[in-house]
Amino acid sequence: MNVQPQQSAAATGSEGRSVRGAGSEQPRWARLLRRVLIFLIALLYAVSIPWYRGDAPPERLFGLPDWVTVAILCYAGAAVLNSAAWLLTEIPEVNDDEAGTP
């Protein structure tokens, strides 16, 4: 009979959290803000597509055609918003005992 001694919550680092219920511990405002950030990222990707260009020759911004500058700024903004969204994402810690490794 294999019986392992129970470790305290402080020793395991779990502090009473389970892997399954970790998503429900996040505050409601954080979940809402994360969804808004993801929506804004999708919007920036849509704006970065030069579908709005007409037949007129492109203007120059920072030495590049305007649509290239807009696309680069949108990608940079999407990267910043993605970083903020990941900061709001709670990733549960998995201990060796919970991962099933011997």
N, C-alpha and C. Protein backbone atom coordinates (compact mmCIF):
# COMPACT_ATOMS: atom_id res chain seq x y z
N MET A 1 0.84 -1.17 0.00
CA MET A 1 0.00 0.00 0.00
C MET A 1 0.88 1.23 0.00
N ASN A 2 0.78 2.05 -1.06
CA ASN A 2 1.56 3.27 -1.16
C ASN A 2 0.78 4.42 -0.56
N VAL A 3 1.25 4.92 0.53
CA VAL A 3 0.62 6.05 1.16
C VAL A 3 1.65 7.16 1.25
N GLN A 4 1.36 8.27 0.61
CA GLN A 4 2.26 9.40 0.67
C GLN A 4 1.78 10.36 1.74
N PRO A 5 2.70 10.95 2.49
CA PRO A 5 2.28 11.89 3.52
C PRO A 5 1.68 13.14 2.90
N GLN A 6 0.66 13.67 3.54
CA GLN A 6 0.02 14.89 3.07
C GLN A 6 0.91 16.08 3.36
N GLN A 7 1.11 16.93 2.38
CA GLN A 7 1.89 18.15 2.58
C GLN A 7 0.92 19.29 2.82
N SER A 8 1.39 20.26 3.58
CA SER A 8 0.53 21.41 3.85
C SER A 8 0.39 22.24 2.59
N ALA A 9 -0.63 23.10 2.58
CA ALA A 9 -0.87 23.95 1.41
C ALA A 9 0.30 24.90 1.18
N ALA A 10 0.95 25.36 2.25
CA ALA A 10 2.09 26.27 2.10
C ALA A 10 3.27 25.55 1.47
N ALA A 11 3.43 24.27 1.77
CA ALA A 11 4.56 23.52 1.22
C ALA A 11 4.36 23.21 -0.25
N THR A 12 3.13 22.97 -0.65
CA THR A 12 2.87 22.65 -2.05
C THR A 12 2.70 23.88 -2.90
N GLY A 13 2.40 25.01 -2.29
CA GLY A 13 2.20 26.23 -3.05
C GLY A 13 0.81 26.35 -3.64
N SER A 14 -0.05 25.39 -3.35
CA SER A 14 -1.38 25.43 -3.95
C SER A 14 -2.33 26.34 -3.19
N GLU A 15 -2.12 26.49 -1.90
CA GLU A 15 -2.93 27.37 -1.06
C GLU A 15 -4.42 27.16 -1.26
N GLY A 16 -4.82 25.92 -1.38
CA GLY A 16 -6.23 25.60 -1.48
C GLY A 16 -6.82 25.75 -2.87
N ARG A 17 -6.00 26.07 -3.86
CA ARG A 17 -6.52 26.22 -5.21
C ARG A 17 -6.46 24.89 -5.93
N SER A 18 -7.47 24.63 -6.70
CA SER A 18 -7.43 23.44 -7.54
C SER A 18 -7.20 23.87 -8.97
N VAL A 19 -6.65 23.00 -9.77
CA VAL A 19 -6.37 23.33 -11.16
C VAL A 19 -7.66 23.58 -11.92
N ARG A 20 -8.68 22.82 -11.62
CA ARG A 20 -9.95 22.92 -12.33
C ARG A 20 -10.66 24.24 -12.02
N GLY A 21 -10.61 24.71 -10.80
CA GLY A 21 -11.34 25.91 -10.42
C GLY A 21 -10.52 27.18 -10.48
N ALA A 22 -9.34 27.14 -11.09
CA ALA A 22 -8.48 28.31 -11.10
C ALA A 22 -9.07 29.46 -11.91
N GLY A 23 -9.82 29.15 -12.98
CA GLY A 23 -10.38 30.21 -13.80
C GLY A 23 -11.49 30.98 -13.12
N SER A 24 -12.16 30.34 -12.16
CA SER A 24 -13.26 31.01 -11.49
C SER A 24 -12.78 31.95 -10.40
N GLU A 25 -11.49 31.91 -10.03
CA GLU A 25 -10.96 32.79 -9.01
C GLU A 25 -10.63 34.17 -9.54
N GLN A 26 -10.54 34.33 -10.82
CA GLN A 26 -10.19 35.60 -11.42
C GLN A 26 -11.36 36.57 -11.26
N PRO A 27 -11.08 37.83 -10.87
CA PRO A 27 -12.17 38.79 -10.71
C PRO A 27 -12.93 39.01 -12.02
N ARG A 28 -14.17 39.39 -11.87
CA ARG A 28 -15.03 39.58 -13.05
C ARG A 28 -14.51 40.70 -13.94
N TRP A 29 -14.01 41.78 -13.32
CA TRP A 29 -13.51 42.91 -14.11
C TRP A 29 -12.29 42.50 -14.93
N ALA A 30 -11.46 41.60 -14.41
CA ALA A 30 -10.28 41.15 -15.15
C ALA A 30 -10.68 40.31 -16.36
N ARG A 31 -11.69 39.45 -16.18
CA ARG A 31 -12.16 38.65 -17.31
C ARG A 31 -12.78 39.53 -18.38
N LEU A 32 -13.55 40.54 -17.96
CA LEU A 32 -14.17 41.46 -18.92
C LEU A 32 -13.11 42.28 -19.65
N LEU A 33 -12.14 42.79 -18.92
CA LEU A 33 -11.07 43.59 -19.53
C LEU A 33 -10.27 42.75 -20.52
N ARG A 34 -10.02 41.50 -20.19
CA ARG A 34 -9.29 40.62 -21.09
C ARG A 34 -10.07 40.40 -22.38
N ARG A 35 -11.37 40.21 -22.27
CA ARG A 35 -12.19 40.04 -23.48
C ARG A 35 -12.20 41.30 -24.34
N VAL A 36 -12.25 42.47 -23.69
CA VAL A 36 -12.21 43.73 -24.44
C VAL A 36 -10.87 43.87 -25.15
N LEU A 37 -9.78 43.53 -24.47
CA LEU A 37 -8.46 43.61 -25.09
C LEU A 37 -8.35 42.69 -26.29
N ILE A 38 -8.90 41.48 -26.18
CA ILE A 38 -8.85 40.55 -27.31
C ILE A 38 -9.69 41.08 -28.48
N PHE A 39 -10.83 41.69 -28.17
CA PHE A 39 -11.64 42.30 -29.23
C PHE A 39 -10.87 43.43 -29.92
N LEU A 40 -10.18 44.25 -29.12
CA LEU A 40 -9.40 45.36 -29.70
C LEU A 40 -8.25 44.85 -30.56
N ILE A 41 -7.65 43.74 -30.16
CA ILE A 41 -6.59 43.13 -30.97
C ILE A 41 -7.14 42.71 -32.33
N ALA A 42 -8.29 42.07 -32.32
CA ALA A 42 -8.92 41.65 -33.58
C ALA A 42 -9.26 42.87 -34.44
N LEU A 43 -9.73 43.94 -33.80
CA LEU A 43 -10.04 45.16 -34.53
C LEU A 43 -8.79 45.78 -35.15
N LEU A 44 -7.69 45.78 -34.42
CA LEU A 44 -6.44 46.31 -34.97
C LEU A 44 -5.97 45.49 -36.16
N TYR A 45 -6.12 44.17 -36.10
CA TYR A 45 -5.74 43.34 -37.24
C TYR A 45 -6.62 43.66 -38.45
N ALA A 46 -7.91 43.93 -38.24
CA ALA A 46 -8.80 44.27 -39.35
C ALA A 46 -8.42 45.63 -39.95
N VAL A 47 -8.05 46.58 -39.10
CA VAL A 47 -7.66 47.91 -39.58
C VAL A 47 -6.34 47.85 -40.34
N SER A 48 -5.47 46.91 -39.97
CA SER A 48 -4.15 46.84 -40.61
C SER A 48 -4.22 46.38 -42.06
N ILE A 49 -5.32 45.78 -42.47
CA ILE A 49 -5.47 45.32 -43.86
C ILE A 49 -5.78 46.54 -44.73
N PRO A 50 -5.03 46.75 -45.77
CA PRO A 50 -5.23 47.97 -46.60
C PRO A 50 -6.41 47.85 -47.58
N TRP A 51 -7.54 47.41 -47.11
CA TRP A 51 -8.71 47.27 -47.97
C TRP A 51 -9.34 48.61 -48.32
N TYR A 52 -9.03 49.63 -47.53
CA TYR A 52 -9.65 50.94 -47.69
C TYR A 52 -8.94 51.82 -48.72
N ARG A 53 -7.86 51.33 -49.29
CA ARG A 53 -7.10 52.15 -50.23
C ARG A 53 -7.86 52.35 -51.52
N GLY A 54 -7.77 53.54 -52.02
CA GLY A 54 -8.42 53.85 -53.29
C GLY A 54 -7.39 53.82 -54.42
N ASP A 55 -7.72 54.48 -55.52
CA ASP A 55 -6.82 54.52 -56.67
C ASP A 55 -5.77 55.61 -56.56
N ALA A 56 -5.91 56.48 -55.57
CA ALA A 56 -4.96 57.59 -55.40
C ALA A 56 -3.60 57.05 -54.98
N PRO A 57 -2.54 57.71 -55.39
CA PRO A 57 -1.21 57.26 -54.96
C PRO A 57 -1.06 57.41 -53.44
N PRO A 58 -0.37 56.51 -52.81
CA PRO A 58 -0.27 56.56 -51.36
C PRO A 58 0.55 57.76 -50.88
N GLU A 59 0.12 58.31 -49.76
CA GLU A 59 0.88 59.37 -49.13
C GLU A 59 2.05 58.76 -48.39
N ARG A 60 3.01 59.61 -48.04
CA ARG A 60 4.19 59.14 -47.32
C ARG A 60 4.11 59.54 -45.85
N LEU A 61 4.30 58.56 -44.96
CA LEU A 61 4.40 58.80 -43.53
C LEU A 61 5.67 58.12 -43.04
N PHE A 62 6.57 58.87 -42.46
CA PHE A 62 7.85 58.36 -41.97
C PHE A 62 8.64 57.68 -43.08
N GLY A 63 8.49 58.16 -44.30
CA GLY A 63 9.23 57.62 -45.44
C GLY A 63 8.64 56.37 -46.05
N LEU A 64 7.51 55.92 -45.52
CA LEU A 64 6.85 54.72 -46.03
C LEU A 64 5.47 55.08 -46.58
N PRO A 65 4.92 54.24 -47.45
CA PRO A 65 3.52 54.48 -47.85
C PRO A 65 2.62 54.46 -46.62
N ASP A 66 1.56 55.25 -46.67
CA ASP A 66 0.69 55.39 -45.49
C ASP A 66 0.12 54.06 -45.02
N TRP A 67 -0.23 53.16 -45.94
CA TRP A 67 -0.82 51.90 -45.52
C TRP A 67 0.19 51.00 -44.81
N VAL A 68 1.47 51.11 -45.16
CA VAL A 68 2.51 50.33 -44.48
C VAL A 68 2.68 50.85 -43.05
N THR A 69 2.70 52.18 -42.91
CA THR A 69 2.84 52.78 -41.58
C THR A 69 1.67 52.41 -40.69
N VAL A 70 0.46 52.45 -41.23
CA VAL A 70 -0.72 52.09 -40.46
C VAL A 70 -0.65 50.62 -40.04
N ALA A 71 -0.24 49.76 -40.95
CA ALA A 71 -0.14 48.33 -40.62
C ALA A 71 0.89 48.08 -39.52
N ILE A 72 2.05 48.72 -39.61
CA ILE A 72 3.09 48.53 -38.59
C ILE A 72 2.61 49.04 -37.23
N LEU A 73 1.95 50.19 -37.21
CA LEU A 73 1.44 50.72 -35.95
C LEU A 73 0.35 49.82 -35.36
N CYS A 74 -0.49 49.25 -36.22
CA CYS A 74 -1.52 48.32 -35.74
C CYS A 74 -0.90 47.06 -35.15
N TYR A 75 0.13 46.53 -35.80
CA TYR A 75 0.79 45.33 -35.28
C TYR A 75 1.48 45.61 -33.96
N ALA A 76 2.09 46.78 -33.83
CA ALA A 76 2.74 47.15 -32.57
C ALA A 76 1.69 47.30 -31.46
N GLY A 77 0.56 47.94 -31.79
CA GLY A 77 -0.52 48.07 -30.81
C GLY A 77 -1.11 46.73 -30.41
N ALA A 78 -1.23 45.83 -31.37
CA ALA A 78 -1.75 44.49 -31.06
C ALA A 78 -0.78 43.75 -30.14
N ALA A 79 0.52 43.93 -30.33
CA ALA A 79 1.49 43.27 -29.46
C ALA A 79 1.39 43.80 -28.02
N VAL A 80 1.21 45.10 -27.87
CA VAL A 80 1.08 45.69 -26.53
C VAL A 80 -0.20 45.21 -25.86
N LEU A 81 -1.31 45.22 -26.59
CA LEU A 81 -2.57 44.76 -26.03
C LEU A 81 -2.53 43.26 -25.70
N ASN A 82 -1.84 42.49 -26.52
CA ASN A 82 -1.69 41.06 -26.25
C ASN A 82 -0.90 40.84 -24.97
N SER A 83 0.13 41.64 -24.75
CA SER A 83 0.89 41.53 -23.50
C SER A 83 0.02 41.84 -22.30
N ALA A 84 -0.80 42.88 -22.41
CA ALA A 84 -1.70 43.23 -21.31
C ALA A 84 -2.73 42.13 -21.07
N ALA A 85 -3.24 41.52 -22.13
CA ALA A 85 -4.21 40.43 -21.97
C ALA A 85 -3.57 39.23 -21.29
N TRP A 86 -2.32 38.93 -21.61
CA TRP A 86 -1.64 37.80 -20.96
C TRP A 86 -1.34 38.10 -19.50
N LEU A 87 -1.12 39.36 -19.16
CA LEU A 87 -0.92 39.70 -17.74
C LEU A 87 -2.19 39.45 -16.93
N LEU A 88 -3.34 39.54 -17.58
CA LEU A 88 -4.62 39.31 -16.90
C LEU A 88 -5.03 37.84 -16.91
N THR A 89 -4.30 37.00 -17.61
CA THR A 89 -4.63 35.59 -17.70
C THR A 89 -4.01 34.84 -16.54
N GLU A 90 -4.84 34.12 -15.80
CA GLU A 90 -4.33 33.34 -14.68
C GLU A 90 -4.00 31.94 -15.17
N ILE A 91 -2.75 31.55 -14.99
CA ILE A 91 -2.29 30.23 -15.39
C ILE A 91 -2.03 29.43 -14.12
N PRO A 92 -2.77 28.35 -13.91
CA PRO A 92 -2.59 27.58 -12.68
C PRO A 92 -1.24 26.87 -12.65
N GLU A 93 -0.67 26.81 -11.47
CA GLU A 93 0.58 26.09 -11.29
C GLU A 93 0.26 24.62 -11.10
N VAL A 94 1.01 23.76 -11.75
CA VAL A 94 0.81 22.33 -11.64
C VAL A 94 1.99 21.76 -10.86
N ASN A 95 1.69 21.13 -9.73
CA ASN A 95 2.73 20.49 -8.94
C ASN A 95 3.07 19.14 -9.52
N ASP A 96 4.19 18.58 -9.11
CA ASP A 96 4.59 17.26 -9.59
C ASP A 96 3.55 16.20 -9.23
N ASP A 97 2.93 16.34 -8.05
CA ASP A 97 1.92 15.37 -7.63
C ASP A 97 0.68 15.45 -8.51
N GLU A 98 0.32 16.66 -8.92
CA GLU A 98 -0.89 16.83 -9.74
C GLU A 98 -0.63 16.46 -11.20
N ALA A 99 0.62 16.58 -11.65
CA ALA A 99 0.94 16.29 -13.04
C ALA A 99 1.01 14.79 -13.32
N GLY A 100 1.09 13.99 -12.27
CA GLY A 100 1.12 12.55 -12.46
C GLY A 100 2.51 11.99 -12.67
N THR A 101 3.55 12.79 -12.45
CA THR A 101 4.90 12.29 -12.58
C THR A 101 5.32 11.62 -11.28
N PRO A 102 6.03 10.52 -11.37
CA PRO A 102 6.45 9.80 -10.16
C PRO A 102 7.53 10.52 -9.38
